[in-house]
Amino acid sequence: MKIEITSKIIDITPAIRERIESRFDKLERLQVPLITPHVIVSKERLMFIVEATAGIPNGKLFAQAEHEDLYAAINELGQKLERQINRHTEKPIARRANGTRKEMPQPDEADA
């Protein structure tokens, strides 16, 4: 998968690129295709800010993480994206119970 990584202030070293790519590889294991993932790394004062956008079938993901350590911010960003993907894939299962309630037969008062 090709991940577009841009930075506003800091240089993207091979170690940073590898950490971001490994985090997105973990997201690929969830078997949801990520369409054109884009990561923006910036720094404001002492905090690193990492933002990511990625398209998925029938939706779009966006997450932002902020931390003093760049690698911790990347991990936090990956966890946020992972939660969004899980929510997207489990959504049909979560709504499964809504339709069964109406279909259940009502007990007759005469049988009681």
C-alpha atoms as a PDB file:
ATOM      1  CA  MET A   1       0.000   0.000   0.000  1.00  0.00           C
ATOM      2  CA  LYS A   2       1.280   3.456  -0.884  1.00  0.00           C
ATOM      3  CA  ILE A   3       0.978   5.907   1.997  1.00  0.00           C
ATOM      4  CA  GLU A   4       1.431   9.598   1.292  1.00  0.00           C
ATOM      5  CA  ILE A   5       3.296  11.216   4.177  1.00  0.00           C
ATOM      6  CA  THR A   6       3.779  14.969   4.397  1.00  0.00           C
ATOM      7  CA  SER A   7       5.380  17.096   7.062  1.00  0.00           C
ATOM      8  CA  LYS A   8       5.065  20.773   7.778  1.00  0.00           C
ATOM      9  CA  ILE A   9       8.176  21.333   9.878  1.00  0.00           C
ATOM     10  CA  ILE A  10      10.190  18.184  10.567  1.00  0.00           C
ATOM     11  CA  ASP A  11      11.977  15.929   8.091  1.00  0.00           C
ATOM     12  CA  ILE A  12      10.498  12.482   7.557  1.00  0.00           C
ATOM     13  CA  THR A  13      13.286  10.049   8.348  1.00  0.00           C
ATOM     14  CA  PRO A  14      13.233   6.427   7.195  1.00  0.00           C
ATOM     15  CA  ALA A  15      12.522   5.365  10.802  1.00  0.00           C
ATOM     16  CA  ILE A  16       9.424   7.597  10.985  1.00  0.00           C
ATOM     17  CA  ARG A  17       8.237   6.377   7.587  1.00  0.00           C
ATOM     18  CA  GLU A  18       8.760   2.766   8.651  1.00  0.00           C
ATOM     19  CA  ARG A  19       6.795   3.271  11.896  1.00  0.00           C
ATOM     20  CA  ILE A  20       3.854   4.820  10.042  1.00  0.00           C
ATOM     21  CA  GLU A  21       3.866   2.092   7.394  1.00  0.00           C
ATOM     22  CA  SER A  22       4.034  -0.672  10.009  1.00  0.00           C
ATOM     23  CA  ARG A  23       1.057   0.861  11.817  1.00  0.00           C
ATOM     24  CA  PHE A  24      -0.951   0.950   8.587  1.00  0.00           C
ATOM     25  CA  ASP A  25       0.076  -2.662   7.879  1.00  0.00           C
ATOM     26  CA  LYS A  26      -1.614  -3.599  11.162  1.00  0.00           C
ATOM     27  CA  LEU A  27      -4.746  -1.812   9.955  1.00  0.00           C
ATOM     28  CA  GLU A  28      -4.657  -3.791   6.706  1.00  0.00           C
ATOM     29  CA  ARG A  29      -4.957  -7.013   8.720  1.00  0.00           C
ATOM     30  CA  LEU A  30      -8.533  -5.996   9.572  1.00  0.00           C
ATOM     31  CA  GLN A  31      -9.361  -6.782   5.925  1.00  0.00           C
ATOM     32  CA  VAL A  32     -10.803  -3.385   5.079  1.00  0.00           C
ATOM     33  CA  PRO A  33      -9.166  -1.822   2.025  1.00  0.00           C
ATOM     34  CA  LEU A  34      -7.733   1.621   2.755  1.00  0.00           C
ATOM     35  CA  ILE A  35      -8.025   3.953  -0.218  1.00  0.00           C
ATOM     36  CA  THR A  36      -5.345   6.668  -0.609  1.00  0.00           C
ATOM     37  CA  PRO A  37      -4.156   6.984   2.997  1.00  0.00           C
ATOM     38  CA  HIS A  38      -2.568  10.351   3.752  1.00  0.00           C
ATOM     39  CA  VAL A  39      -0.618  11.206   6.917  1.00  0.00           C
ATOM     40  CA  ILE A  40       0.373  14.722   7.976  1.00  0.00           C
ATOM     41  CA  VAL A  41       3.040  15.157  10.652  1.00  0.00           C
ATOM     42  CA  SER A  42       3.505  18.562  12.273  1.00  0.00           C
ATOM     43  CA  LYS A  43       4.952  20.048  15.418  1.00  0.00           C
ATOM     44  CA  GLU A  44       3.575  22.883  17.498  1.00  0.00           C
ATOM     45  CA  ARG A  45       5.820  23.975  20.351  1.00  0.00           C
ATOM     46  CA  LEU A  46       6.565  20.781  22.306  1.00  0.00           C
ATOM     47  CA  MET A  47       3.773  18.622  20.877  1.00  0.00           C
ATOM     48  CA  PHE A  48       3.793  16.476  17.756  1.00  0.00           C
ATOM     49  CA  ILE A  49       0.499  16.380  15.877  1.00  0.00           C
ATOM     50  CA  VAL A  50      -0.199  13.486  13.531  1.00  0.00           C
ATOM     51  CA  GLU A  51      -3.298  13.500  11.316  1.00  0.00           C
ATOM     52  CA  ALA A  52      -4.444  10.767   8.963  1.00  0.00           C
ATOM     53  CA  THR A  53      -7.210  10.441   6.400  1.00  0.00           C
ATOM     54  CA  ALA A  54      -8.086   7.340   4.450  1.00  0.00           C
ATOM     55  CA  GLY A  55     -11.024   6.309   2.375  1.00  0.00           C
ATOM     56  CA  ILE A  56     -12.795   3.018   2.931  1.00  0.00           C
ATOM     57  CA  PRO A  57     -15.676   1.491   1.012  1.00  0.00           C
ATOM     58  CA  ASN A  58     -18.807   3.449   1.951  1.00  0.00           C
ATOM     59  CA  GLY A  59     -16.997   5.937   4.140  1.00  0.00           C
ATOM     60  CA  LYS A  60     -13.958   7.932   5.128  1.00  0.00           C
ATOM     61  CA  LEU A  61     -11.693   7.765   8.169  1.00  0.00           C
ATOM     62  CA  PHE A  62     -10.053  10.705   9.916  1.00  0.00           C
ATOM     63  CA  ALA A  63      -8.005  10.687  13.087  1.00  0.00           C
ATOM     64  CA  GLN A  64      -5.718  13.109  14.861  1.00  0.00           C
ATOM     65  CA  ALA A  65      -3.298  12.400  17.693  1.00  0.00           C
ATOM     66  CA  GLU A  66      -1.177  14.739  19.760  1.00  0.00           C
ATOM     67  CA  HIS A  67       1.714  13.769  22.033  1.00  0.00           C
ATOM     68  CA  GLU A  68       5.151  14.950  23.153  1.00  0.00           C
ATOM     69  CA  ASP A  69       6.736  11.818  21.636  1.00  0.00           C
ATOM     70  CA  LEU A  70       6.282  11.379  17.880  1.00  0.00           C
ATOM     71  CA  TYR A  71       6.207   7.580  18.022  1.00  0.00           C
ATOM     72  CA  ALA A  72       3.595   7.614  20.799  1.00  0.00           C
ATOM     73  CA  ALA A  73       1.472   9.964  18.688  1.00  0.00           C
ATOM     74  CA  ILE A  74       1.743   7.569  15.724  1.00  0.00           C
ATOM     75  CA  ASN A  75       0.647   4.636  17.915  1.00  0.00           C
ATOM     76  CA  GLU A  76      -2.277   6.627  19.308  1.00  0.00           C
ATOM     77  CA  LEU A  77      -3.311   7.572  15.778  1.00  0.00           C
ATOM     78  CA  GLY A  78      -3.242   3.911  14.733  1.00  0.00           C
ATOM     79  CA  GLN A  79      -5.418   2.941  17.688  1.00  0.00           C
ATOM     80  CA  LYS A  80      -7.982   5.604  16.805  1.00  0.00           C
ATOM     81  CA  LEU A  81      -8.118   4.450  13.189  1.00  0.00           C
ATOM     82  CA  GLU A  82      -8.420   0.839  14.320  1.00  0.00           C
ATOM     83  CA  ARG A  83     -11.427   1.696  16.523  1.00  0.00           C
ATOM     84  CA  GLN A  84     -13.086   3.498  13.600  1.00  0.00           C
ATOM     85  CA  ILE A  85     -12.545   0.537  11.288  1.00  0.00           C
ATOM     86  CA  ASN A  86     -13.930  -1.871  13.899  1.00  0.00           C
ATOM     87  CA  ARG A  87     -16.982   0.336  14.391  1.00  0.00           C
ATOM     88  CA  HIS A  88     -17.514   0.464  10.624  1.00  0.00           C
ATOM     89  CA  THR A  89     -17.252  -3.318  10.183  1.00  0.00           C
ATOM     90  CA  GLU A  90     -19.342  -4.208  13.261  1.00  0.00           C
ATOM     91  CA  LYS A  91     -22.134  -1.754  12.477  1.00  0.00           C
ATOM     92  CA  PRO A  92     -24.374  -4.227  10.587  1.00  0.00           C
ATOM     93  CA  ILE A  93     -24.007  -6.747  13.422  1.00  0.00           C
ATOM     94  CA  ALA A  94     -24.912  -4.142  16.042  1.00  0.00           C
ATOM     95  CA  ARG A  95     -28.139  -3.319  14.223  1.00  0.00           C
ATOM     96  CA  ARG A  96     -29.096  -6.970  13.825  1.00  0.00           C
ATOM     97  CA  ALA A  97     -31.348  -7.011  16.884  1.00  0.00           C
ATOM     98  CA  ASN A  98     -33.534  -4.110  15.734  1.00  0.00           C
ATOM     99  CA  GLY A  99     -35.480  -6.125  13.149  1.00  0.00           C
ATOM    100  CA  THR A 100     -36.043  -9.299  15.188  1.00  0.00           C
ATOM    101  CA  ARG A 101     -38.108  -7.551  17.816  1.00  0.00           C
ATOM    102  CA  LYS A 102     -40.959  -6.789  15.420  1.00  0.00           C
ATOM    103  CA  GLU A 103     -40.980 -10.280  13.925  1.00  0.00           C
ATOM    104  CA  MET A 104     -41.412 -12.170  17.202  1.00  0.00           C
ATOM    105  CA  PRO A 105     -44.942 -13.515  17.674  1.00  0.00           C
ATOM    106  CA  GLN A 106     -46.921 -11.995  20.512  1.00  0.00           C
ATOM    107  CA  PRO A 107     -48.390 -14.423  23.050  1.00  0.00           C
ATOM    108  CA  ASP A 108     -52.168 -14.655  22.920  1.00  0.00           C
ATOM    109  CA  GLU A 109     -54.021 -13.534  26.025  1.00  0.00           C
ATOM    110  CA  ALA A 110     -56.516 -16.384  25.526  1.00  0.00           C
ATOM    111  CA  ASP A 111     -53.756 -19.011  26.051  1.00  0.00           C
ATOM    112  CA  ALA A 112     -52.899 -17.645  29.493  1.00  0.00           C
END
